[in-house]
Amino acid sequence: MAGVLAEAFTEGRCALAGIKQSLRCVRKPCGGVAKAAFEGSVDDFVAANPGAEAQLYNRVKQCGHCRKVCAYTLATCNGCGADLASVDESRTPNVFMGFAHGIARAGFPLRASTRLETEDVLVFDDPLVLAGCHVCAIPTDVHVPTAAGLFADPARGAALMRRLEAAAWAAVEAQFLADDAWMAGVYGTPRPSDETLRRGGGR
């Protein structure tokens, strides 16, 4: 994505919008631990735990035009639209599963801005944040390689999605929606109800 945006700016196809100065970061309670559960890399973890290999790597195709890493199932790049038919499949470390296993690094430090952690769910700020409130919720008790896996057992898939949504909303409600200054900066006054926000409303 970064390559596509850089190219668009260079070619004059984009313009920067003025960021709303009232927006700010929402402070969060300290969470997580200072020391990784596994001090090595993803490769080191797989060497010590060969059965986890399928979980720890993403199957991908890297676009030769814009260099975006795409899912191996895509026929065209979802960044620039280039054909991926002749691109060989490769793999990249699965950062989210690295978080779930407590691995220290994957070519870079694996550190998450944790918002909520339970026995089976981890909620954290998206590393590629695109909004003032942009969280990810991942299960830590099951590995779902692609969304297609959710449909192999629709009832279990739906239950998992509800569990992740509930955890994400719990973090958002406790830390974002409860922060009056942040809410006023984003939505002004009067603030929308939490129910309106859950339905995707607001201003």
C-alpha atoms as a PDB file:
ATOM      1  CA  MET A   1       0.000   0.000   0.000  1.00  0.00           C
ATOM      2  CA  ALA A   2       2.775   2.424   0.900  1.00  0.00           C
ATOM      3  CA  GLY A   3       4.360   1.934  -2.538  1.00  0.00           C
ATOM      4  CA  VAL A   4       1.055   2.558  -4.286  1.00  0.00           C
ATOM      5  CA  LEU A   5       0.443   5.743  -2.275  1.00  0.00           C
ATOM      6  CA  ALA A   6       3.975   7.004  -2.868  1.00  0.00           C
ATOM      7  CA  GLU A   7       3.540   6.473  -6.595  1.00  0.00           C
ATOM      8  CA  ALA A   8       0.160   8.224  -6.568  1.00  0.00           C
ATOM      9  CA  PHE A   9       1.625  11.263  -4.795  1.00  0.00           C
ATOM     10  CA  THR A  10       4.565  11.354  -7.196  1.00  0.00           C
ATOM     11  CA  GLU A  11       2.229  11.281 -10.190  1.00  0.00           C
ATOM     12  CA  GLY A  12       0.019  13.981  -8.710  1.00  0.00           C
ATOM     13  CA  ARG A  13      -3.039  11.736  -8.336  1.00  0.00           C
ATOM     14  CA  CYS A  14      -3.423  12.376  -4.589  1.00  0.00           C
ATOM     15  CA  ALA A  15      -3.587  15.326  -2.256  1.00  0.00           C
ATOM     16  CA  LEU A  16      -3.102  15.437   1.497  1.00  0.00           C
ATOM     17  CA  ALA A  17      -6.070  16.413   3.622  1.00  0.00           C
ATOM     18  CA  GLY A  18      -5.478  18.531   6.710  1.00  0.00           C
ATOM     19  CA  ILE A  19      -5.610  16.279   9.755  1.00  0.00           C
ATOM     20  CA  LYS A  20      -8.095  17.245  12.424  1.00  0.00           C
ATOM     21  CA  GLN A  21      -5.956  18.787  15.149  1.00  0.00           C
ATOM     22  CA  SER A  22      -8.386  17.774  17.901  1.00  0.00           C
ATOM     23  CA  LEU A  23      -7.623  14.079  17.354  1.00  0.00           C
ATOM     24  CA  ARG A  24      -5.264  12.456  19.807  1.00  0.00           C
ATOM     25  CA  CYS A  25      -4.069   9.096  20.940  1.00  0.00           C
ATOM     26  CA  VAL A  26      -6.172   7.339  23.548  1.00  0.00           C
ATOM     27  CA  ARG A  27      -4.054   6.319  26.522  1.00  0.00           C
ATOM     28  CA  LYS A  28      -4.389   2.714  27.484  1.00  0.00           C
ATOM     29  CA  PRO A  29      -3.736   0.702  30.603  1.00  0.00           C
ATOM     30  CA  CYS A  30      -0.340  -0.973  30.680  1.00  0.00           C
ATOM     31  CA  GLY A  31      -0.703  -4.547  29.569  1.00  0.00           C
ATOM     32  CA  GLY A  32       1.334  -7.429  28.310  1.00  0.00           C
ATOM     33  CA  VAL A  33       4.774  -8.313  29.567  1.00  0.00           C
ATOM     34  CA  ALA A  34       8.223  -6.780  29.181  1.00  0.00           C
ATOM     35  CA  LYS A  35       9.884 -10.066  28.185  1.00  0.00           C
ATOM     36  CA  ALA A  36       8.772 -12.303  25.307  1.00  0.00           C
ATOM     37  CA  ALA A  37       7.689 -15.853  26.119  1.00  0.00           C
ATOM     38  CA  PHE A  38      10.074 -16.989  23.351  1.00  0.00           C
ATOM     39  CA  GLU A  39      13.169 -14.821  22.941  1.00  0.00           C
ATOM     40  CA  GLY A  40      14.079 -15.956  19.422  1.00  0.00           C
ATOM     41  CA  SER A  41      12.674 -15.304  15.948  1.00  0.00           C
ATOM     42  CA  VAL A  42       9.753 -16.931  14.152  1.00  0.00           C
ATOM     43  CA  ASP A  43      12.266 -19.174  12.338  1.00  0.00           C
ATOM     44  CA  ASP A  44      13.826 -20.147  15.674  1.00  0.00           C
ATOM     45  CA  PHE A  45      10.394 -20.934  17.142  1.00  0.00           C
ATOM     46  CA  VAL A  46       9.504 -23.156  14.171  1.00  0.00           C
ATOM     47  CA  ALA A  47      12.849 -24.949  14.436  1.00  0.00           C
ATOM     48  CA  ALA A  48      12.020 -25.727  18.083  1.00  0.00           C
ATOM     49  CA  ASN A  49       8.325 -26.432  17.363  1.00  0.00           C
ATOM     50  CA  PRO A  50       8.043 -27.929  13.851  1.00  0.00           C
ATOM     51  CA  GLY A  51       4.338 -28.654  14.293  1.00  0.00           C
ATOM     52  CA  ALA A  52       3.636 -24.906  14.416  1.00  0.00           C
ATOM     53  CA  GLU A  53       5.122 -24.163  10.978  1.00  0.00           C
ATOM     54  CA  ALA A  54       1.779 -23.882   9.166  1.00  0.00           C
ATOM     55  CA  GLN A  55       0.598 -21.322  11.743  1.00  0.00           C
ATOM     56  CA  LEU A  56       3.705 -19.160  11.710  1.00  0.00           C
ATOM     57  CA  TYR A  57       3.950 -18.331   8.001  1.00  0.00           C
ATOM     58  CA  ASN A  58       1.573 -16.709   5.532  1.00  0.00           C
ATOM     59  CA  ARG A  59       1.388 -18.121   2.012  1.00  0.00           C
ATOM     60  CA  VAL A  60       1.767 -15.090  -0.249  1.00  0.00           C
ATOM     61  CA  LYS A  61       2.563 -13.719  -3.677  1.00  0.00           C
ATOM     62  CA  GLN A  62       4.583 -10.503  -3.888  1.00  0.00           C
ATOM     63  CA  CYS A  63       3.550  -8.200  -6.702  1.00  0.00           C
ATOM     64  CA  GLY A  64       6.429  -7.540  -9.093  1.00  0.00           C
ATOM     65  CA  HIS A  65       5.008  -4.133  -9.986  1.00  0.00           C
ATOM     66  CA  CYS A  66       4.252  -2.406  -6.659  1.00  0.00           C
ATOM     67  CA  ARG A  67       5.968  -4.976  -4.344  1.00  0.00           C
ATOM     68  CA  LYS A  68       2.806  -5.408  -2.247  1.00  0.00           C
ATOM     69  CA  VAL A  69       2.534  -8.755  -0.480  1.00  0.00           C
ATOM     70  CA  CYS A  70      -0.801 -10.326  -1.486  1.00  0.00           C
ATOM     71  CA  ALA A  71      -2.645 -13.464  -0.467  1.00  0.00           C
ATOM     72  CA  TYR A  72      -1.575 -16.470  -2.530  1.00  0.00           C
ATOM     73  CA  THR A  73      -5.208 -16.977  -3.607  1.00  0.00           C
ATOM     74  CA  LEU A  74      -5.402 -13.660  -5.500  1.00  0.00           C
ATOM     75  CA  ALA A  75      -5.214 -13.570  -9.306  1.00  0.00           C
ATOM     76  CA  THR A  76      -4.432  -9.847  -9.371  1.00  0.00           C
ATOM     77  CA  CYS A  77      -2.675  -7.520  -6.933  1.00  0.00           C
ATOM     78  CA  ASN A  78      -5.130  -5.780  -4.613  1.00  0.00           C
ATOM     79  CA  GLY A  79      -2.767  -2.805  -4.484  1.00  0.00           C
ATOM     80  CA  CYS A  80      -2.179  -1.969  -8.137  1.00  0.00           C
ATOM     81  CA  GLY A  81      -4.178  -4.530 -10.128  1.00  0.00           C
ATOM     82  CA  ALA A  82      -1.151  -6.225 -11.734  1.00  0.00           C
ATOM     83  CA  ASP A  83      -1.510  -9.849 -12.836  1.00  0.00           C
ATOM     84  CA  LEU A  84      -0.176 -12.368 -10.303  1.00  0.00           C
ATOM     85  CA  ALA A  85      -0.661 -15.530 -12.375  1.00  0.00           C
ATOM     86  CA  SER A  86       3.046 -15.956 -13.106  1.00  0.00           C
ATOM     87  CA  VAL A  87       4.237 -14.899  -9.628  1.00  0.00           C
ATOM     88  CA  ASP A  88       5.677 -17.732  -7.543  1.00  0.00           C
ATOM     89  CA  GLU A  89       4.220 -18.368  -4.119  1.00  0.00           C
ATOM     90  CA  SER A  90       6.448 -17.463  -1.176  1.00  0.00           C
ATOM     91  CA  ARG A  91       5.934 -16.962   2.522  1.00  0.00           C
ATOM     92  CA  THR A  92       6.220 -14.289   5.188  1.00  0.00           C
ATOM     93  CA  PRO A  93       6.120 -14.547   8.991  1.00  0.00           C
ATOM     94  CA  ASN A  94       2.586 -14.477  10.401  1.00  0.00           C
ATOM     95  CA  VAL A  95       2.937 -11.513  12.746  1.00  0.00           C
ATOM     96  CA  PHE A  96      -0.399 -12.105  14.478  1.00  0.00           C
ATOM     97  CA  MET A  97       0.469 -15.703  15.332  1.00  0.00           C
ATOM     98  CA  GLY A  98       3.835 -14.420  16.497  1.00  0.00           C
ATOM     99  CA  PHE A  99       1.924 -12.221  18.950  1.00  0.00           C
ATOM    100  CA  ALA A 100      -0.223 -15.184  20.025  1.00  0.00           C
ATOM    101  CA  HIS A 101       2.832 -17.365  20.719  1.00  0.00           C
ATOM    102  CA  GLY A 102       4.758 -14.560  22.440  1.00  0.00           C
ATOM    103  CA  ILE A 103       7.667 -14.653  19.964  1.00  0.00           C
ATOM    104  CA  ALA A 104      10.196 -11.830  20.289  1.00  0.00           C
ATOM    105  CA  ARG A 105      10.849 -10.997  16.634  1.00  0.00           C
ATOM    106  CA  ALA A 106      10.192 -11.699  12.967  1.00  0.00           C
ATOM    107  CA  GLY A 107      12.979  -9.701  11.354  1.00  0.00           C
ATOM    108  CA  PHE A 108      11.756  -6.826  13.544  1.00  0.00           C
ATOM    109  CA  PRO A 109      10.540  -6.715  17.162  1.00  0.00           C
ATOM    110  CA  LEU A 110       7.061  -8.237  17.601  1.00  0.00           C
ATOM    111  CA  ARG A 111       5.521  -5.709  19.940  1.00  0.00           C
ATOM    112  CA  ALA A 112       1.792  -5.093  20.109  1.00  0.00           C
ATOM    113  CA  SER A 113      -0.045  -2.100  21.523  1.00  0.00           C
ATOM    114  CA  THR A 114      -2.328  -4.330  23.582  1.00  0.00           C
ATOM    115  CA  ARG A 115      -5.850  -3.131  24.372  1.00  0.00           C
ATOM    116  CA  LEU A 116      -7.336  -6.308  25.888  1.00  0.00           C
ATOM    117  CA  GLU A 117      -6.098  -9.807  26.609  1.00  0.00           C
ATOM    118  CA  THR A 118      -8.206 -12.759  27.728  1.00  0.00           C
ATOM    119  CA  GLU A 119      -7.657 -16.525  27.859  1.00  0.00           C
ATOM    120  CA  ASP A 120      -8.492 -16.887  24.164  1.00  0.00           C
ATOM    121  CA  VAL A 121      -8.484 -13.429  22.519  1.00  0.00           C
ATOM    122  CA  LEU A 122      -5.924 -10.679  22.006  1.00  0.00           C
ATOM    123  CA  VAL A 123      -7.068  -7.160  21.042  1.00  0.00           C
ATOM    124  CA  PHE A 124      -4.467  -4.614  19.957  1.00  0.00           C
ATOM    125  CA  ASP A 125      -4.061  -1.447  17.899  1.00  0.00           C
ATOM    126  CA  ASP A 126      -3.679  -2.342  14.233  1.00  0.00           C
ATOM    127  CA  PRO A 127       0.040  -2.026  13.344  1.00  0.00           C
ATOM    128  CA  LEU A 128      -1.057  -0.390  10.049  1.00  0.00           C
ATOM    129  CA  VAL A 129      -3.591   1.874  11.748  1.00  0.00           C
ATOM    130  CA  LEU A 130      -5.898   3.746   9.348  1.00  0.00           C
ATOM    131  CA  ALA A 131      -8.094   5.589  11.859  1.00  0.00           C
ATOM    132  CA  GLY A 132      -8.043   7.088  15.337  1.00  0.00           C
ATOM    133  CA  CYS A 133      -9.635   3.877  16.613  1.00  0.00           C
ATOM    134  CA  HIS A 134      -8.507   0.824  14.633  1.00  0.00           C
ATOM    135  CA  VAL A 135      -8.118  -2.408  16.577  1.00  0.00           C
ATOM    136  CA  CYS A 136      -7.525  -6.020  15.627  1.00  0.00           C
ATOM    137  CA  ALA A 137      -8.933  -8.973  17.553  1.00  0.00           C
ATOM    138  CA  ILE A 138      -7.358 -12.386  17.068  1.00  0.00           C
ATOM    139  CA  PRO A 139      -8.066 -15.765  18.655  1.00  0.00           C
ATOM    140  CA  THR A 140      -5.197 -17.347  20.568  1.00  0.00           C
ATOM    141  CA  ASP A 141      -6.766 -20.787  20.891  1.00  0.00           C
ATOM    142  CA  VAL A 142      -7.359 -21.598  17.214  1.00  0.00           C
ATOM    143  CA  HIS A 143      -5.572 -20.973  13.905  1.00  0.00           C
ATOM    144  CA  VAL A 144      -7.689 -19.809  10.949  1.00  0.00           C
ATOM    145  CA  PRO A 145      -5.369 -19.528   7.904  1.00  0.00           C
ATOM    146  CA  THR A 146      -7.937 -17.786   5.666  1.00  0.00           C
ATOM    147  CA  ALA A 147     -11.517 -16.574   5.964  1.00  0.00           C
ATOM    148  CA  ALA A 148     -12.592 -19.646   3.977  1.00  0.00           C
ATOM    149  CA  GLY A 149     -11.844 -21.737   7.070  1.00  0.00           C
ATOM    150  CA  LEU A 150     -14.697 -20.034   8.899  1.00  0.00           C
ATOM    151  CA  PHE A 151     -17.176 -21.579   6.453  1.00  0.00           C
ATOM    152  CA  ALA A 152     -15.961 -25.156   6.879  1.00  0.00           C
ATOM    153  CA  ASP A 153     -18.024 -25.231  10.082  1.00  0.00           C
ATOM    154  CA  PRO A 154     -20.367 -22.201   9.856  1.00  0.00           C
ATOM    155  CA  ALA A 155     -21.696 -22.470  13.419  1.00  0.00           C
ATOM    156  CA  ARG A 156     -18.200 -22.542  14.934  1.00  0.00           C
ATOM    157  CA  GLY A 157     -17.046 -19.837  12.524  1.00  0.00           C
ATOM    158  CA  ALA A 158     -19.921 -17.552  13.508  1.00  0.00           C
ATOM    159  CA  ALA A 159     -19.309 -18.197  17.216  1.00  0.00           C
ATOM    160  CA  LEU A 160     -15.629 -17.290  16.774  1.00  0.00           C
ATOM    161  CA  MET A 161     -16.503 -14.068  14.943  1.00  0.00           C
ATOM    162  CA  ARG A 162     -18.978 -13.102  17.690  1.00  0.00           C
ATOM    163  CA  ARG A 163     -16.321 -13.775  20.338  1.00  0.00           C
ATOM    164  CA  LEU A 164     -13.780 -11.562  18.525  1.00  0.00           C
ATOM    165  CA  GLU A 165     -16.324  -8.792  17.954  1.00  0.00           C
ATOM    166  CA  ALA A 166     -17.360  -8.826  21.624  1.00  0.00           C
ATOM    167  CA  ALA A 167     -13.729  -8.555  22.754  1.00  0.00           C
ATOM    168  CA  ALA A 168     -12.988  -5.749  20.286  1.00  0.00           C
ATOM    169  CA  TRP A 169     -16.051  -3.804  21.419  1.00  0.00           C
ATOM    170  CA  ALA A 170     -15.185  -4.343  25.078  1.00  0.00           C
ATOM    171  CA  ALA A 171     -11.784  -2.724  24.451  1.00  0.00           C
ATOM    172  CA  VAL A 172     -13.244   0.105  22.353  1.00  0.00           C
ATOM    173  CA  GLU A 173     -16.005   0.896  24.836  1.00  0.00           C
ATOM    174  CA  ALA A 174     -13.693   0.822  27.865  1.00  0.00           C
ATOM    175  CA  GLN A 175     -10.875   2.846  26.328  1.00  0.00           C
ATOM    176  CA  PHE A 176     -12.146   4.931  23.402  1.00  0.00           C
ATOM    177  CA  LEU A 177     -15.844   5.545  23.992  1.00  0.00           C
ATOM    178  CA  ALA A 178     -15.215   6.192  27.690  1.00  0.00           C
ATOM    179  CA  ASP A 179     -12.624   8.871  26.850  1.00  0.00           C
ATOM    180  CA  ASP A 180     -14.714  12.056  26.751  1.00  0.00           C
ATOM    181  CA  ALA A 181     -11.961  14.231  25.274  1.00  0.00           C
ATOM    182  CA  TRP A 182     -11.306  11.764  22.459  1.00  0.00           C
ATOM    183  CA  MET A 183     -15.010  11.370  21.722  1.00  0.00           C
ATOM    184  CA  ALA A 184     -15.515  15.146  21.613  1.00  0.00           C
ATOM    185  CA  GLY A 185     -12.565  15.502  19.257  1.00  0.00           C
ATOM    186  CA  VAL A 186     -13.922  12.877  16.873  1.00  0.00           C
ATOM    187  CA  TYR A 187     -17.702  13.338  17.137  1.00  0.00           C
ATOM    188  CA  GLY A 188     -18.228  16.743  18.740  1.00  0.00           C
ATOM    189  CA  THR A 189     -21.208  17.267  20.999  1.00  0.00           C
ATOM    190  CA  PRO A 190     -23.660  15.856  21.726  1.00  0.00           C
ATOM    191  CA  ARG A 191     -21.922  12.517  21.428  1.00  0.00           C
ATOM    192  CA  PRO A 192     -23.648   9.664  19.595  1.00  0.00           C
ATOM    193  CA  SER A 193     -24.902   6.825  21.763  1.00  0.00           C
ATOM    194  CA  ASP A 194     -22.780   3.695  22.015  1.00  0.00           C
ATOM    195  CA  GLU A 195     -25.584   1.796  20.278  1.00  0.00           C
ATOM    196  CA  THR A 196     -25.496   4.219  17.327  1.00  0.00           C
ATOM    197  CA  LEU A 197     -21.735   3.751  17.096  1.00  0.00           C
ATOM    198  CA  ARG A 198     -22.112  -0.038  17.189  1.00  0.00           C
ATOM    199  CA  ARG A 199     -24.434   0.198  14.182  1.00  0.00           C
ATOM    200  CA  GLY A 200     -21.787   2.230  12.294  1.00  0.00           C
ATOM    201  CA  GLY A 201     -23.486   5.575  12.892  1.00  0.00           C
ATOM    202  CA  GLY A 202     -22.155   8.840  14.185  1.00  0.00           C
ATOM    203  CA  ARG A 203     -21.462  11.992  12.260  1.00  0.00           C
END
